[in-house]
Amino acid sequence: EVLGCTVKMHAGDGSMVEARKVLLE
């Protein structure tokens, strides 16, 4: 965001996630 991009989060910090799950776009 500081660099001028738009970010969409698909997971929250502290959550258990599987391999290759998209976390940020």
PDBML (XML) file of the C-alpha atoms, coordinates in Angstrom:
<?xml version="1.0" encoding="UTF-8" ?>
<PDBx:datablock datablockName="MODEL"
   xmlns:PDBx="http://pdbml.pdb.org/schema/pdbx-v50.xsd"
   xmlns:xsi="http://www.w3.org/2001/XMLSchema-instance"
   xsi:schemaLocation="http://pdbml.pdb.org/schema/pdbx-v50.xsd pdbx-v50.xsd">
   <PDBx:atom_siteCategory>
      <PDBx:atom_site id="1">
         <PDBx:B_iso_or_equiv>0.00</PDBx:B_iso_or_equiv>
         <PDBx:Cartn_x>0.000</PDBx:Cartn_x>
         <PDBx:Cartn_y>0.000</PDBx:Cartn_y>
         <PDBx:Cartn_z>0.000</PDBx:Cartn_z>
         <PDBx:auth_asym_id>A</PDBx:auth_asym_id>
         <PDBx:auth_atom_id>CA</PDBx:auth_atom_id>
         <PDBx:auth_comp_id>GLU</PDBx:auth_comp_id>
         <PDBx:auth_seq_id>1</PDBx:auth_seq_id>
         <PDBx:group_PDB>ATOM</PDBx:group_PDB>
         <PDBx:label_alt_id xsi:nil="true" />
         <PDBx:label_asym_id>A</PDBx:label_asym_id>
         <PDBx:label_atom_id>CA</PDBx:label_atom_id>
         <PDBx:label_comp_id>GLU</PDBx:label_comp_id>
         <PDBx:label_entity_id>1</PDBx:label_entity_id>
         <PDBx:label_seq_id>1</PDBx:label_seq_id>
         <PDBx:occupancy>1.00</PDBx:occupancy>
         <PDBx:pdbx_PDB_model_num>1</PDBx:pdbx_PDB_model_num>
         <PDBx:type_symbol>C</PDBx:type_symbol>
      </PDBx:atom_site>
      <PDBx:atom_site id="2">
         <PDBx:B_iso_or_equiv>0.00</PDBx:B_iso_or_equiv>
         <PDBx:Cartn_x>2.870</PDBx:Cartn_x>
         <PDBx:Cartn_y>2.378</PDBx:Cartn_y>
         <PDBx:Cartn_z>0.798</PDBx:Cartn_z>
         <PDBx:auth_asym_id>A</PDBx:auth_asym_id>
         <PDBx:auth_atom_id>CA</PDBx:auth_atom_id>
         <PDBx:auth_comp_id>VAL</PDBx:auth_comp_id>
         <PDBx:auth_seq_id>2</PDBx:auth_seq_id>
         <PDBx:group_PDB>ATOM</PDBx:group_PDB>
         <PDBx:label_alt_id xsi:nil="true" />
         <PDBx:label_asym_id>A</PDBx:label_asym_id>
         <PDBx:label_atom_id>CA</PDBx:label_atom_id>
         <PDBx:label_comp_id>VAL</PDBx:label_comp_id>
         <PDBx:label_entity_id>1</PDBx:label_entity_id>
         <PDBx:label_seq_id>2</PDBx:label_seq_id>
         <PDBx:occupancy>1.00</PDBx:occupancy>
         <PDBx:pdbx_PDB_model_num>1</PDBx:pdbx_PDB_model_num>
         <PDBx:type_symbol>C</PDBx:type_symbol>
      </PDBx:atom_site>
      <PDBx:atom_site id="3">
         <PDBx:B_iso_or_equiv>0.00</PDBx:B_iso_or_equiv>
         <PDBx:Cartn_x>4.177</PDBx:Cartn_x>
         <PDBx:Cartn_y>1.659</PDBx:Cartn_y>
         <PDBx:Cartn_z>-2.698</PDBx:Cartn_z>
         <PDBx:auth_asym_id>A</PDBx:auth_asym_id>
         <PDBx:auth_atom_id>CA</PDBx:auth_atom_id>
         <PDBx:auth_comp_id>LEU</PDBx:auth_comp_id>
         <PDBx:auth_seq_id>3</PDBx:auth_seq_id>
         <PDBx:group_PDB>ATOM</PDBx:group_PDB>
         <PDBx:label_alt_id xsi:nil="true" />
         <PDBx:label_asym_id>A</PDBx:label_asym_id>
         <PDBx:label_atom_id>CA</PDBx:label_atom_id>
         <PDBx:label_comp_id>LEU</PDBx:label_comp_id>
         <PDBx:label_entity_id>1</PDBx:label_entity_id>
         <PDBx:label_seq_id>3</PDBx:label_seq_id>
         <PDBx:occupancy>1.00</PDBx:occupancy>
         <PDBx:pdbx_PDB_model_num>1</PDBx:pdbx_PDB_model_num>
         <PDBx:type_symbol>C</PDBx:type_symbol>
      </PDBx:atom_site>
      <PDBx:atom_site id="4">
         <PDBx:B_iso_or_equiv>0.00</PDBx:B_iso_or_equiv>
         <PDBx:Cartn_x>0.843</PDBx:Cartn_x>
         <PDBx:Cartn_y>2.577</PDBx:Cartn_y>
         <PDBx:Cartn_z>-4.284</PDBx:Cartn_z>
         <PDBx:auth_asym_id>A</PDBx:auth_asym_id>
         <PDBx:auth_atom_id>CA</PDBx:auth_atom_id>
         <PDBx:auth_comp_id>GLY</PDBx:auth_comp_id>
         <PDBx:auth_seq_id>4</PDBx:auth_seq_id>
         <PDBx:group_PDB>ATOM</PDBx:group_PDB>
         <PDBx:label_alt_id xsi:nil="true" />
         <PDBx:label_asym_id>A</PDBx:label_asym_id>
         <PDBx:label_atom_id>CA</PDBx:label_atom_id>
         <PDBx:label_comp_id>GLY</PDBx:label_comp_id>
         <PDBx:label_entity_id>1</PDBx:label_entity_id>
         <PDBx:label_seq_id>4</PDBx:label_seq_id>
         <PDBx:occupancy>1.00</PDBx:occupancy>
         <PDBx:pdbx_PDB_model_num>1</PDBx:pdbx_PDB_model_num>
         <PDBx:type_symbol>C</PDBx:type_symbol>
      </PDBx:atom_site>
      <PDBx:atom_site id="5">
         <PDBx:B_iso_or_equiv>0.00</PDBx:B_iso_or_equiv>
         <PDBx:Cartn_x>-0.747</PDBx:Cartn_x>
         <PDBx:Cartn_y>-0.848</PDBx:Cartn_y>
         <PDBx:Cartn_z>-4.755</PDBx:Cartn_z>
         <PDBx:auth_asym_id>A</PDBx:auth_asym_id>
         <PDBx:auth_atom_id>CA</PDBx:auth_atom_id>
         <PDBx:auth_comp_id>CYS</PDBx:auth_comp_id>
         <PDBx:auth_seq_id>5</PDBx:auth_seq_id>
         <PDBx:group_PDB>ATOM</PDBx:group_PDB>
         <PDBx:label_alt_id xsi:nil="true" />
         <PDBx:label_asym_id>A</PDBx:label_asym_id>
         <PDBx:label_atom_id>CA</PDBx:label_atom_id>
         <PDBx:label_comp_id>CYS</PDBx:label_comp_id>
         <PDBx:label_entity_id>1</PDBx:label_entity_id>
         <PDBx:label_seq_id>5</PDBx:label_seq_id>
         <PDBx:occupancy>1.00</PDBx:occupancy>
         <PDBx:pdbx_PDB_model_num>1</PDBx:pdbx_PDB_model_num>
         <PDBx:type_symbol>C</PDBx:type_symbol>
      </PDBx:atom_site>
      <PDBx:atom_site id="6">
         <PDBx:B_iso_or_equiv>0.00</PDBx:B_iso_or_equiv>
         <PDBx:Cartn_x>-4.195</PDBx:Cartn_x>
         <PDBx:Cartn_y>-2.187</PDBx:Cartn_y>
         <PDBx:Cartn_z>-3.891</PDBx:Cartn_z>
         <PDBx:auth_asym_id>A</PDBx:auth_asym_id>
         <PDBx:auth_atom_id>CA</PDBx:auth_atom_id>
         <PDBx:auth_comp_id>THR</PDBx:auth_comp_id>
         <PDBx:auth_seq_id>6</PDBx:auth_seq_id>
         <PDBx:group_PDB>ATOM</PDBx:group_PDB>
         <PDBx:label_alt_id xsi:nil="true" />
         <PDBx:label_asym_id>A</PDBx:label_asym_id>
         <PDBx:label_atom_id>CA</PDBx:label_atom_id>
         <PDBx:label_comp_id>THR</PDBx:label_comp_id>
         <PDBx:label_entity_id>1</PDBx:label_entity_id>
         <PDBx:label_seq_id>6</PDBx:label_seq_id>
         <PDBx:occupancy>1.00</PDBx:occupancy>
         <PDBx:pdbx_PDB_model_num>1</PDBx:pdbx_PDB_model_num>
         <PDBx:type_symbol>C</PDBx:type_symbol>
      </PDBx:atom_site>
      <PDBx:atom_site id="7">
         <PDBx:B_iso_or_equiv>0.00</PDBx:B_iso_or_equiv>
         <PDBx:Cartn_x>-4.287</PDBx:Cartn_x>
         <PDBx:Cartn_y>-5.205</PDBx:Cartn_y>
         <PDBx:Cartn_z>-1.585</PDBx:Cartn_z>
         <PDBx:auth_asym_id>A</PDBx:auth_asym_id>
         <PDBx:auth_atom_id>CA</PDBx:auth_atom_id>
         <PDBx:auth_comp_id>VAL</PDBx:auth_comp_id>
         <PDBx:auth_seq_id>7</PDBx:auth_seq_id>
         <PDBx:group_PDB>ATOM</PDBx:group_PDB>
         <PDBx:label_alt_id xsi:nil="true" />
         <PDBx:label_asym_id>A</PDBx:label_asym_id>
         <PDBx:label_atom_id>CA</PDBx:label_atom_id>
         <PDBx:label_comp_id>VAL</PDBx:label_comp_id>
         <PDBx:label_entity_id>1</PDBx:label_entity_id>
         <PDBx:label_seq_id>7</PDBx:label_seq_id>
         <PDBx:occupancy>1.00</PDBx:occupancy>
         <PDBx:pdbx_PDB_model_num>1</PDBx:pdbx_PDB_model_num>
         <PDBx:type_symbol>C</PDBx:type_symbol>
      </PDBx:atom_site>
      <PDBx:atom_site id="8">
         <PDBx:B_iso_or_equiv>0.00</PDBx:B_iso_or_equiv>
         <PDBx:Cartn_x>-6.989</PDBx:Cartn_x>
         <PDBx:Cartn_y>-7.778</PDBx:Cartn_y>
         <PDBx:Cartn_z>-0.896</PDBx:Cartn_z>
         <PDBx:auth_asym_id>A</PDBx:auth_asym_id>
         <PDBx:auth_atom_id>CA</PDBx:auth_atom_id>
         <PDBx:auth_comp_id>LYS</PDBx:auth_comp_id>
         <PDBx:auth_seq_id>8</PDBx:auth_seq_id>
         <PDBx:group_PDB>ATOM</PDBx:group_PDB>
         <PDBx:label_alt_id xsi:nil="true" />
         <PDBx:label_asym_id>A</PDBx:label_asym_id>
         <PDBx:label_atom_id>CA</PDBx:label_atom_id>
         <PDBx:label_comp_id>LYS</PDBx:label_comp_id>
         <PDBx:label_entity_id>1</PDBx:label_entity_id>
         <PDBx:label_seq_id>8</PDBx:label_seq_id>
         <PDBx:occupancy>1.00</PDBx:occupancy>
         <PDBx:pdbx_PDB_model_num>1</PDBx:pdbx_PDB_model_num>
         <PDBx:type_symbol>C</PDBx:type_symbol>
      </PDBx:atom_site>
      <PDBx:atom_site id="9">
         <PDBx:B_iso_or_equiv>0.00</PDBx:B_iso_or_equiv>
         <PDBx:Cartn_x>-6.469</PDBx:Cartn_x>
         <PDBx:Cartn_y>-10.091</PDBx:Cartn_y>
         <PDBx:Cartn_z>2.086</PDBx:Cartn_z>
         <PDBx:auth_asym_id>A</PDBx:auth_asym_id>
         <PDBx:auth_atom_id>CA</PDBx:auth_atom_id>
         <PDBx:auth_comp_id>MET</PDBx:auth_comp_id>
         <PDBx:auth_seq_id>9</PDBx:auth_seq_id>
         <PDBx:group_PDB>ATOM</PDBx:group_PDB>
         <PDBx:label_alt_id xsi:nil="true" />
         <PDBx:label_asym_id>A</PDBx:label_asym_id>
         <PDBx:label_atom_id>CA</PDBx:label_atom_id>
         <PDBx:label_comp_id>MET</PDBx:label_comp_id>
         <PDBx:label_entity_id>1</PDBx:label_entity_id>
         <PDBx:label_seq_id>9</PDBx:label_seq_id>
         <PDBx:occupancy>1.00</PDBx:occupancy>
         <PDBx:pdbx_PDB_model_num>1</PDBx:pdbx_PDB_model_num>
         <PDBx:type_symbol>C</PDBx:type_symbol>
      </PDBx:atom_site>
      <PDBx:atom_site id="10">
         <PDBx:B_iso_or_equiv>0.00</PDBx:B_iso_or_equiv>
         <PDBx:Cartn_x>-7.815</PDBx:Cartn_x>
         <PDBx:Cartn_y>-13.650</PDBx:Cartn_y>
         <PDBx:Cartn_z>1.977</PDBx:Cartn_z>
         <PDBx:auth_asym_id>A</PDBx:auth_asym_id>
         <PDBx:auth_atom_id>CA</PDBx:auth_atom_id>
         <PDBx:auth_comp_id>HIS</PDBx:auth_comp_id>
         <PDBx:auth_seq_id>10</PDBx:auth_seq_id>
         <PDBx:group_PDB>ATOM</PDBx:group_PDB>
         <PDBx:label_alt_id xsi:nil="true" />
         <PDBx:label_asym_id>A</PDBx:label_asym_id>
         <PDBx:label_atom_id>CA</PDBx:label_atom_id>
         <PDBx:label_comp_id>HIS</PDBx:label_comp_id>
         <PDBx:label_entity_id>1</PDBx:label_entity_id>
         <PDBx:label_seq_id>10</PDBx:label_seq_id>
         <PDBx:occupancy>1.00</PDBx:occupancy>
         <PDBx:pdbx_PDB_model_num>1</PDBx:pdbx_PDB_model_num>
         <PDBx:type_symbol>C</PDBx:type_symbol>
      </PDBx:atom_site>
      <PDBx:atom_site id="11">
         <PDBx:B_iso_or_equiv>0.00</PDBx:B_iso_or_equiv>
         <PDBx:Cartn_x>-6.631</PDBx:Cartn_x>
         <PDBx:Cartn_y>-14.803</PDBx:Cartn_y>
         <PDBx:Cartn_z>5.426</PDBx:Cartn_z>
         <PDBx:auth_asym_id>A</PDBx:auth_asym_id>
         <PDBx:auth_atom_id>CA</PDBx:auth_atom_id>
         <PDBx:auth_comp_id>ALA</PDBx:auth_comp_id>
         <PDBx:auth_seq_id>11</PDBx:auth_seq_id>
         <PDBx:group_PDB>ATOM</PDBx:group_PDB>
         <PDBx:label_alt_id xsi:nil="true" />
         <PDBx:label_asym_id>A</PDBx:label_asym_id>
         <PDBx:label_atom_id>CA</PDBx:label_atom_id>
         <PDBx:label_comp_id>ALA</PDBx:label_comp_id>
         <PDBx:label_entity_id>1</PDBx:label_entity_id>
         <PDBx:label_seq_id>11</PDBx:label_seq_id>
         <PDBx:occupancy>1.00</PDBx:occupancy>
         <PDBx:pdbx_PDB_model_num>1</PDBx:pdbx_PDB_model_num>
         <PDBx:type_symbol>C</PDBx:type_symbol>
      </PDBx:atom_site>
      <PDBx:atom_site id="12">
         <PDBx:B_iso_or_equiv>0.00</PDBx:B_iso_or_equiv>
         <PDBx:Cartn_x>-6.029</PDBx:Cartn_x>
         <PDBx:Cartn_y>-13.243</PDBx:Cartn_y>
         <PDBx:Cartn_z>8.791</PDBx:Cartn_z>
         <PDBx:auth_asym_id>A</PDBx:auth_asym_id>
         <PDBx:auth_atom_id>CA</PDBx:auth_atom_id>
         <PDBx:auth_comp_id>GLY</PDBx:auth_comp_id>
         <PDBx:auth_seq_id>12</PDBx:auth_seq_id>
         <PDBx:group_PDB>ATOM</PDBx:group_PDB>
         <PDBx:label_alt_id xsi:nil="true" />
         <PDBx:label_asym_id>A</PDBx:label_asym_id>
         <PDBx:label_atom_id>CA</PDBx:label_atom_id>
         <PDBx:label_comp_id>GLY</PDBx:label_comp_id>
         <PDBx:label_entity_id>1</PDBx:label_entity_id>
         <PDBx:label_seq_id>12</PDBx:label_seq_id>
         <PDBx:occupancy>1.00</PDBx:occupancy>
         <PDBx:pdbx_PDB_model_num>1</PDBx:pdbx_PDB_model_num>
         <PDBx:type_symbol>C</PDBx:type_symbol>
      </PDBx:atom_site>
      <PDBx:atom_site id="13">
         <PDBx:B_iso_or_equiv>0.00</PDBx:B_iso_or_equiv>
         <PDBx:Cartn_x>-2.859</PDBx:Cartn_x>
         <PDBx:Cartn_y>-13.279</PDBx:Cartn_y>
         <PDBx:Cartn_z>10.837</PDBx:Cartn_z>
         <PDBx:auth_asym_id>A</PDBx:auth_asym_id>
         <PDBx:auth_atom_id>CA</PDBx:auth_atom_id>
         <PDBx:auth_comp_id>ASP</PDBx:auth_comp_id>
         <PDBx:auth_seq_id>13</PDBx:auth_seq_id>
         <PDBx:group_PDB>ATOM</PDBx:group_PDB>
         <PDBx:label_alt_id xsi:nil="true" />
         <PDBx:label_asym_id>A</PDBx:label_asym_id>
         <PDBx:label_atom_id>CA</PDBx:label_atom_id>
         <PDBx:label_comp_id>ASP</PDBx:label_comp_id>
         <PDBx:label_entity_id>1</PDBx:label_entity_id>
         <PDBx:label_seq_id>13</PDBx:label_seq_id>
         <PDBx:occupancy>1.00</PDBx:occupancy>
         <PDBx:pdbx_PDB_model_num>1</PDBx:pdbx_PDB_model_num>
         <PDBx:type_symbol>C</PDBx:type_symbol>
      </PDBx:atom_site>
      <PDBx:atom_site id="14">
         <PDBx:B_iso_or_equiv>0.00</PDBx:B_iso_or_equiv>
         <PDBx:Cartn_x>-3.024</PDBx:Cartn_x>
         <PDBx:Cartn_y>-16.060</PDBx:Cartn_y>
         <PDBx:Cartn_z>13.397</PDBx:Cartn_z>
         <PDBx:auth_asym_id>A</PDBx:auth_asym_id>
         <PDBx:auth_atom_id>CA</PDBx:auth_atom_id>
         <PDBx:auth_comp_id>GLY</PDBx:auth_comp_id>
         <PDBx:auth_seq_id>14</PDBx:auth_seq_id>
         <PDBx:group_PDB>ATOM</PDBx:group_PDB>
         <PDBx:label_alt_id xsi:nil="true" />
         <PDBx:label_asym_id>A</PDBx:label_asym_id>
         <PDBx:label_atom_id>CA</PDBx:label_atom_id>
         <PDBx:label_comp_id>GLY</PDBx:label_comp_id>
         <PDBx:label_entity_id>1</PDBx:label_entity_id>
         <PDBx:label_seq_id>14</PDBx:label_seq_id>
         <PDBx:occupancy>1.00</PDBx:occupancy>
         <PDBx:pdbx_PDB_model_num>1</PDBx:pdbx_PDB_model_num>
         <PDBx:type_symbol>C</PDBx:type_symbol>
      </PDBx:atom_site>
      <PDBx:atom_site id="15">
         <PDBx:B_iso_or_equiv>0.00</PDBx:B_iso_or_equiv>
         <PDBx:Cartn_x>-5.024</PDBx:Cartn_x>
         <PDBx:Cartn_y>-18.428</PDBx:Cartn_y>
         <PDBx:Cartn_z>11.196</PDBx:Cartn_z>
         <PDBx:auth_asym_id>A</PDBx:auth_asym_id>
         <PDBx:auth_atom_id>CA</PDBx:auth_atom_id>
         <PDBx:auth_comp_id>SER</PDBx:auth_comp_id>
         <PDBx:auth_seq_id>15</PDBx:auth_seq_id>
         <PDBx:group_PDB>ATOM</PDBx:group_PDB>
         <PDBx:label_alt_id xsi:nil="true" />
         <PDBx:label_asym_id>A</PDBx:label_asym_id>
         <PDBx:label_atom_id>CA</PDBx:label_atom_id>
         <PDBx:label_comp_id>SER</PDBx:label_comp_id>
         <PDBx:label_entity_id>1</PDBx:label_entity_id>
         <PDBx:label_seq_id>15</PDBx:label_seq_id>
         <PDBx:occupancy>1.00</PDBx:occupancy>
         <PDBx:pdbx_PDB_model_num>1</PDBx:pdbx_PDB_model_num>
         <PDBx:type_symbol>C</PDBx:type_symbol>
      </PDBx:atom_site>
      <PDBx:atom_site id="16">
         <PDBx:B_iso_or_equiv>0.00</PDBx:B_iso_or_equiv>
         <PDBx:Cartn_x>-3.794</PDBx:Cartn_x>
         <PDBx:Cartn_y>-21.878</PDBx:Cartn_y>
         <PDBx:Cartn_z>10.211</PDBx:Cartn_z>
         <PDBx:auth_asym_id>A</PDBx:auth_asym_id>
         <PDBx:auth_atom_id>CA</PDBx:auth_atom_id>
         <PDBx:auth_comp_id>MET</PDBx:auth_comp_id>
         <PDBx:auth_seq_id>16</PDBx:auth_seq_id>
         <PDBx:group_PDB>ATOM</PDBx:group_PDB>
         <PDBx:label_alt_id xsi:nil="true" />
         <PDBx:label_asym_id>A</PDBx:label_asym_id>
         <PDBx:label_atom_id>CA</PDBx:label_atom_id>
         <PDBx:label_comp_id>MET</PDBx:label_comp_id>
         <PDBx:label_entity_id>1</PDBx:label_entity_id>
         <PDBx:label_seq_id>16</PDBx:label_seq_id>
         <PDBx:occupancy>1.00</PDBx:occupancy>
         <PDBx:pdbx_PDB_model_num>1</PDBx:pdbx_PDB_model_num>
         <PDBx:type_symbol>C</PDBx:type_symbol>
      </PDBx:atom_site>
      <PDBx:atom_site id="17">
         <PDBx:B_iso_or_equiv>0.00</PDBx:B_iso_or_equiv>
         <PDBx:Cartn_x>-3.438</PDBx:Cartn_x>
         <PDBx:Cartn_y>-22.024</PDBx:Cartn_y>
         <PDBx:Cartn_z>6.431</PDBx:Cartn_z>
         <PDBx:auth_asym_id>A</PDBx:auth_asym_id>
         <PDBx:auth_atom_id>CA</PDBx:auth_atom_id>
         <PDBx:auth_comp_id>VAL</PDBx:auth_comp_id>
         <PDBx:auth_seq_id>17</PDBx:auth_seq_id>
         <PDBx:group_PDB>ATOM</PDBx:group_PDB>
         <PDBx:label_alt_id xsi:nil="true" />
         <PDBx:label_asym_id>A</PDBx:label_asym_id>
         <PDBx:label_atom_id>CA</PDBx:label_atom_id>
         <PDBx:label_comp_id>VAL</PDBx:label_comp_id>
         <PDBx:label_entity_id>1</PDBx:label_entity_id>
         <PDBx:label_seq_id>17</PDBx:label_seq_id>
         <PDBx:occupancy>1.00</PDBx:occupancy>
         <PDBx:pdbx_PDB_model_num>1</PDBx:pdbx_PDB_model_num>
         <PDBx:type_symbol>C</PDBx:type_symbol>
      </PDBx:atom_site>
      <PDBx:atom_site id="18">
         <PDBx:B_iso_or_equiv>0.00</PDBx:B_iso_or_equiv>
         <PDBx:Cartn_x>-2.715</PDBx:Cartn_x>
         <PDBx:Cartn_y>-24.774</PDBx:Cartn_y>
         <PDBx:Cartn_z>3.948</PDBx:Cartn_z>
         <PDBx:auth_asym_id>A</PDBx:auth_asym_id>
         <PDBx:auth_atom_id>CA</PDBx:auth_atom_id>
         <PDBx:auth_comp_id>GLU</PDBx:auth_comp_id>
         <PDBx:auth_seq_id>18</PDBx:auth_seq_id>
         <PDBx:group_PDB>ATOM</PDBx:group_PDB>
         <PDBx:label_alt_id xsi:nil="true" />
         <PDBx:label_asym_id>A</PDBx:label_asym_id>
         <PDBx:label_atom_id>CA</PDBx:label_atom_id>
         <PDBx:label_comp_id>GLU</PDBx:label_comp_id>
         <PDBx:label_entity_id>1</PDBx:label_entity_id>
         <PDBx:label_seq_id>18</PDBx:label_seq_id>
         <PDBx:occupancy>1.00</PDBx:occupancy>
         <PDBx:pdbx_PDB_model_num>1</PDBx:pdbx_PDB_model_num>
         <PDBx:type_symbol>C</PDBx:type_symbol>
      </PDBx:atom_site>
      <PDBx:atom_site id="19">
         <PDBx:B_iso_or_equiv>0.00</PDBx:B_iso_or_equiv>
         <PDBx:Cartn_x>0.066</PDBx:Cartn_x>
         <PDBx:Cartn_y>-24.794</PDBx:Cartn_y>
         <PDBx:Cartn_z>1.396</PDBx:Cartn_z>
         <PDBx:auth_asym_id>A</PDBx:auth_asym_id>
         <PDBx:auth_atom_id>CA</PDBx:auth_atom_id>
         <PDBx:auth_comp_id>ALA</PDBx:auth_comp_id>
         <PDBx:auth_seq_id>19</PDBx:auth_seq_id>
         <PDBx:group_PDB>ATOM</PDBx:group_PDB>
         <PDBx:label_alt_id xsi:nil="true" />
         <PDBx:label_asym_id>A</PDBx:label_asym_id>
         <PDBx:label_atom_id>CA</PDBx:label_atom_id>
         <PDBx:label_comp_id>ALA</PDBx:label_comp_id>
         <PDBx:label_entity_id>1</PDBx:label_entity_id>
         <PDBx:label_seq_id>19</PDBx:label_seq_id>
         <PDBx:occupancy>1.00</PDBx:occupancy>
         <PDBx:pdbx_PDB_model_num>1</PDBx:pdbx_PDB_model_num>
         <PDBx:type_symbol>C</PDBx:type_symbol>
      </PDBx:atom_site>
      <PDBx:atom_site id="20">
         <PDBx:B_iso_or_equiv>0.00</PDBx:B_iso_or_equiv>
         <PDBx:Cartn_x>-0.590</PDBx:Cartn_x>
         <PDBx:Cartn_y>-22.710</PDBx:Cartn_y>
         <PDBx:Cartn_z>-1.727</PDBx:Cartn_z>
         <PDBx:auth_asym_id>A</PDBx:auth_asym_id>
         <PDBx:auth_atom_id>CA</PDBx:auth_atom_id>
         <PDBx:auth_comp_id>ARG</PDBx:auth_comp_id>
         <PDBx:auth_seq_id>20</PDBx:auth_seq_id>
         <PDBx:group_PDB>ATOM</PDBx:group_PDB>
         <PDBx:label_alt_id xsi:nil="true" />
         <PDBx:label_asym_id>A</PDBx:label_asym_id>
         <PDBx:label_atom_id>CA</PDBx:label_atom_id>
         <PDBx:label_comp_id>ARG</PDBx:label_comp_id>
         <PDBx:label_entity_id>1</PDBx:label_entity_id>
         <PDBx:label_seq_id>20</PDBx:label_seq_id>
         <PDBx:occupancy>1.00</PDBx:occupancy>
         <PDBx:pdbx_PDB_model_num>1</PDBx:pdbx_PDB_model_num>
         <PDBx:type_symbol>C</PDBx:type_symbol>
      </PDBx:atom_site>
      <PDBx:atom_site id="21">
         <PDBx:B_iso_or_equiv>0.00</PDBx:B_iso_or_equiv>
         <PDBx:Cartn_x>-3.686</PDBx:Cartn_x>
         <PDBx:Cartn_y>-21.019</PDBx:Cartn_y>
         <PDBx:Cartn_z>-0.296</PDBx:Cartn_z>
         <PDBx:auth_asym_id>A</PDBx:auth_asym_id>
         <PDBx:auth_atom_id>CA</PDBx:auth_atom_id>
         <PDBx:auth_comp_id>LYS</PDBx:auth_comp_id>
         <PDBx:auth_seq_id>21</PDBx:auth_seq_id>
         <PDBx:group_PDB>ATOM</PDBx:group_PDB>
         <PDBx:label_alt_id xsi:nil="true" />
         <PDBx:label_asym_id>A</PDBx:label_asym_id>
         <PDBx:label_atom_id>CA</PDBx:label_atom_id>
         <PDBx:label_comp_id>LYS</PDBx:label_comp_id>
         <PDBx:label_entity_id>1</PDBx:label_entity_id>
         <PDBx:label_seq_id>21</PDBx:label_seq_id>
         <PDBx:occupancy>1.00</PDBx:occupancy>
         <PDBx:pdbx_PDB_model_num>1</PDBx:pdbx_PDB_model_num>
         <PDBx:type_symbol>C</PDBx:type_symbol>
      </PDBx:atom_site>
      <PDBx:atom_site id="22">
         <PDBx:B_iso_or_equiv>0.00</PDBx:B_iso_or_equiv>
         <PDBx:Cartn_x>-3.756</PDBx:Cartn_x>
         <PDBx:Cartn_y>-17.457</PDBx:Cartn_y>
         <PDBx:Cartn_z>-1.637</PDBx:Cartn_z>
         <PDBx:auth_asym_id>A</PDBx:auth_asym_id>
         <PDBx:auth_atom_id>CA</PDBx:auth_atom_id>
         <PDBx:auth_comp_id>VAL</PDBx:auth_comp_id>
         <PDBx:auth_seq_id>22</PDBx:auth_seq_id>
         <PDBx:group_PDB>ATOM</PDBx:group_PDB>
         <PDBx:label_alt_id xsi:nil="true" />
         <PDBx:label_asym_id>A</PDBx:label_asym_id>
         <PDBx:label_atom_id>CA</PDBx:label_atom_id>
         <PDBx:label_comp_id>VAL</PDBx:label_comp_id>
         <PDBx:label_entity_id>1</PDBx:label_entity_id>
         <PDBx:label_seq_id>22</PDBx:label_seq_id>
         <PDBx:occupancy>1.00</PDBx:occupancy>
         <PDBx:pdbx_PDB_model_num>1</PDBx:pdbx_PDB_model_num>
         <PDBx:type_symbol>C</PDBx:type_symbol>
      </PDBx:atom_site>
      <PDBx:atom_site id="23">
         <PDBx:B_iso_or_equiv>0.00</PDBx:B_iso_or_equiv>
         <PDBx:Cartn_x>-3.302</PDBx:Cartn_x>
         <PDBx:Cartn_y>-15.119</PDBx:Cartn_y>
         <PDBx:Cartn_z>1.316</PDBx:Cartn_z>
         <PDBx:auth_asym_id>A</PDBx:auth_asym_id>
         <PDBx:auth_atom_id>CA</PDBx:auth_atom_id>
         <PDBx:auth_comp_id>LEU</PDBx:auth_comp_id>
         <PDBx:auth_seq_id>23</PDBx:auth_seq_id>
         <PDBx:group_PDB>ATOM</PDBx:group_PDB>
         <PDBx:label_alt_id xsi:nil="true" />
         <PDBx:label_asym_id>A</PDBx:label_asym_id>
         <PDBx:label_atom_id>CA</PDBx:label_atom_id>
         <PDBx:label_comp_id>LEU</PDBx:label_comp_id>
         <PDBx:label_entity_id>1</PDBx:label_entity_id>
         <PDBx:label_seq_id>23</PDBx:label_seq_id>
         <PDBx:occupancy>1.00</PDBx:occupancy>
         <PDBx:pdbx_PDB_model_num>1</PDBx:pdbx_PDB_model_num>
         <PDBx:type_symbol>C</PDBx:type_symbol>
      </PDBx:atom_site>
      <PDBx:atom_site id="24">
         <PDBx:B_iso_or_equiv>0.00</PDBx:B_iso_or_equiv>
         <PDBx:Cartn_x>-2.905</PDBx:Cartn_x>
         <PDBx:Cartn_y>-11.764</PDBx:Cartn_y>
         <PDBx:Cartn_z>-0.412</PDBx:Cartn_z>
         <PDBx:auth_asym_id>A</PDBx:auth_asym_id>
         <PDBx:auth_atom_id>CA</PDBx:auth_atom_id>
         <PDBx:auth_comp_id>LEU</PDBx:auth_comp_id>
         <PDBx:auth_seq_id>24</PDBx:auth_seq_id>
         <PDBx:group_PDB>ATOM</PDBx:group_PDB>
         <PDBx:label_alt_id xsi:nil="true" />
         <PDBx:label_asym_id>A</PDBx:label_asym_id>
         <PDBx:label_atom_id>CA</PDBx:label_atom_id>
         <PDBx:label_comp_id>LEU</PDBx:label_comp_id>
         <PDBx:label_entity_id>1</PDBx:label_entity_id>
         <PDBx:label_seq_id>24</PDBx:label_seq_id>
         <PDBx:occupancy>1.00</PDBx:occupancy>
         <PDBx:pdbx_PDB_model_num>1</PDBx:pdbx_PDB_model_num>
         <PDBx:type_symbol>C</PDBx:type_symbol>
      </PDBx:atom_site>
      <PDBx:atom_site id="25">
         <PDBx:B_iso_or_equiv>0.00</PDBx:B_iso_or_equiv>
         <PDBx:Cartn_x>-3.789</PDBx:Cartn_x>
         <PDBx:Cartn_y>-10.435</PDBx:Cartn_y>
         <PDBx:Cartn_z>-3.841</PDBx:Cartn_z>
         <PDBx:auth_asym_id>A</PDBx:auth_asym_id>
         <PDBx:auth_atom_id>CA</PDBx:auth_atom_id>
         <PDBx:auth_comp_id>GLU</PDBx:auth_comp_id>
         <PDBx:auth_seq_id>25</PDBx:auth_seq_id>
         <PDBx:group_PDB>ATOM</PDBx:group_PDB>
         <PDBx:label_alt_id xsi:nil="true" />
         <PDBx:label_asym_id>A</PDBx:label_asym_id>
         <PDBx:label_atom_id>CA</PDBx:label_atom_id>
         <PDBx:label_comp_id>GLU</PDBx:label_comp_id>
         <PDBx:label_entity_id>1</PDBx:label_entity_id>
         <PDBx:label_seq_id>25</PDBx:label_seq_id>
         <PDBx:occupancy>1.00</PDBx:occupancy>
         <PDBx:pdbx_PDB_model_num>1</PDBx:pdbx_PDB_model_num>
         <PDBx:type_symbol>C</PDBx:type_symbol>
      </PDBx:atom_site>
   </PDBx:atom_siteCategory>
</PDBx:datablock>
